[in-house]
Structures are given as C-alpha cells and as structure tokens.
Amino acid sequence: MGKFKKSDIAIKTPGQQIREKIIEKYGSIKNFADAVGMYDSSVEQYLTTRSLGSTTFKIRLTNQFQKSLSELFLTDEAQVRVMT
C-alpha cells in the first residue's frame, strides 16, 4: 500500500473503542450501565471525555472486563501502527 493521507486514518478515542467493546459484550450501553449500577446517561458522558470520567466508572469498567484500563483501548500511536 502507498502513502496514507490523513483522511485515510481514522483514530478512535478511548471512549469510542470502549463503547464498541461494551456494545459487543452487553448489547447496549443501557445493559452495561444496569450491570454496573450506573445511569446510562453517566456512562455515555464518561465515554465522551478524554479521561473517561470518574474513578468509580473506571473501576467498574475494568472489573466487568477483567482487564486493566490500558488493555481496553489502543493509544493513537498503536492504532496507527495497526493500520500500517
């Protein structure tokens, strides 16, 4: 493959990557929110912030997936490496 144009590379935020994992495992954000005892609106909000919101959310998220936070998403650099 030739050179990439910037428009060819779609970097997903940590929240977008985690959202995909949640939907894959739970079917919806609401199902996940119910499973962890949170409001789905709160989960949605946390997934849109770069820091992924509250410590409580991060703990519940990592407990549900039995993975560390860094295992749940790829950094921007890692995503580019995977694509190239």
Protein backbone atom coordinates (compact mmCIF):
# COMPACT_ATOMS: atom_id res chain seq x y z
CA MET A 1 0.00 0.00 0.00
CA GLY A 2 1.20 3.51 -0.74
CA LYS A 3 1.33 6.54 1.49
CA PHE A 4 -1.56 7.31 3.78
CA LYS A 5 -3.37 10.58 3.59
CA LYS A 6 -4.52 11.96 6.91
CA SER A 7 -8.12 11.33 5.79
CA ASP A 8 -7.32 7.59 5.44
CA ILE A 9 -6.53 7.27 9.12
CA ALA A 10 -9.48 7.22 11.49
CA ILE A 11 -8.24 7.38 15.06
CA LYS A 12 -10.81 6.34 17.65
CA THR A 13 -10.84 7.90 21.09
CA PRO A 14 -10.51 5.61 24.10
CA GLY A 15 -14.23 6.14 24.74
CA GLN A 16 -15.18 5.09 21.21
CA GLN A 17 -13.08 1.94 21.49
CA ILE A 18 -14.55 1.07 24.90
CA ARG A 19 -18.09 1.82 23.66
CA GLU A 20 -17.58 -0.79 20.92
CA LYS A 21 -16.39 -3.36 23.48
CA ILE A 22 -19.36 -2.61 25.78
CA ILE A 23 -21.87 -2.99 22.95
CA GLU A 24 -20.18 -6.16 21.74
CA LYS A 25 -20.35 -7.72 25.24
CA TYR A 26 -23.58 -6.24 26.63
CA GLY A 27 -25.62 -5.36 23.54
CA SER A 28 -26.12 -1.75 24.64
CA ILE A 29 -24.81 0.98 26.91
CA LYS A 30 -28.01 0.65 28.98
CA ASN A 31 -27.41 -3.07 29.65
CA PHE A 32 -23.84 -2.31 30.75
CA ALA A 33 -24.98 0.59 32.94
CA ASP A 34 -27.56 -1.67 34.61
CA ALA A 35 -24.89 -4.35 35.16
CA VAL A 36 -22.57 -1.89 36.93
CA GLY A 37 -25.26 0.03 38.81
CA MET A 38 -24.88 3.34 36.98
CA TYR A 39 -27.12 5.55 34.87
CA ASP A 40 -26.67 5.04 31.13
CA SER A 41 -26.50 8.83 30.71
CA SER A 42 -23.49 8.87 33.06
CA VAL A 43 -21.79 6.06 31.15
CA GLU A 44 -22.40 7.91 27.87
CA GLN A 45 -20.92 11.07 29.35
CA TYR A 46 -17.82 9.29 30.68
CA LEU A 47 -17.20 7.70 27.28
CA THR A 48 -17.07 11.14 25.64
CA THR A 49 -14.40 12.55 27.96
CA ARG A 50 -10.73 12.01 27.20
CA SER A 51 -10.08 10.98 30.82
CA LEU A 52 -13.02 8.52 30.76
CA GLY A 53 -14.73 10.21 33.68
CA SER A 54 -14.83 9.08 37.27
CA THR A 55 -12.60 6.66 39.10
CA THR A 56 -15.71 4.69 40.08
CA PHE A 57 -16.62 4.23 36.42
CA LYS A 58 -13.10 3.09 35.54
CA ILE A 59 -13.06 0.57 38.40
CA ARG A 60 -16.44 -0.86 37.42
CA LEU A 61 -15.41 -0.97 33.76
CA THR A 62 -12.16 -2.82 34.44
CA ASN A 63 -13.91 -5.21 36.83
CA GLN A 64 -16.55 -6.09 34.21
CA PHE A 65 -13.95 -6.81 31.54
CA GLN A 66 -11.35 -8.29 33.92
CA LYS A 67 -8.71 -6.15 32.21
CA SER A 68 -6.68 -3.11 33.12
CA LEU A 69 -7.74 0.20 31.63
CA SER A 70 -4.74 0.23 29.29
CA GLU A 71 -5.84 -3.16 27.88
CA LEU A 72 -9.27 -1.82 26.92
CA PHE A 73 -8.11 0.65 24.28
CA LEU A 74 -5.20 1.38 21.96
CA THR A 75 -3.29 4.65 22.08
CA ASP A 76 -3.37 6.86 18.98
CA GLU A 77 0.14 5.67 18.09
CA ALA A 78 -0.78 1.99 18.49
CA GLN A 79 -3.84 2.46 16.27
CA VAL A 80 -1.68 3.96 13.51
CA ARG A 81 0.79 1.07 13.81
CA VAL A 82 -2.04 -1.46 13.44
CA MET A 83 -3.28 0.29 10.28
CA THR A 84 0.11 0.49 8.57
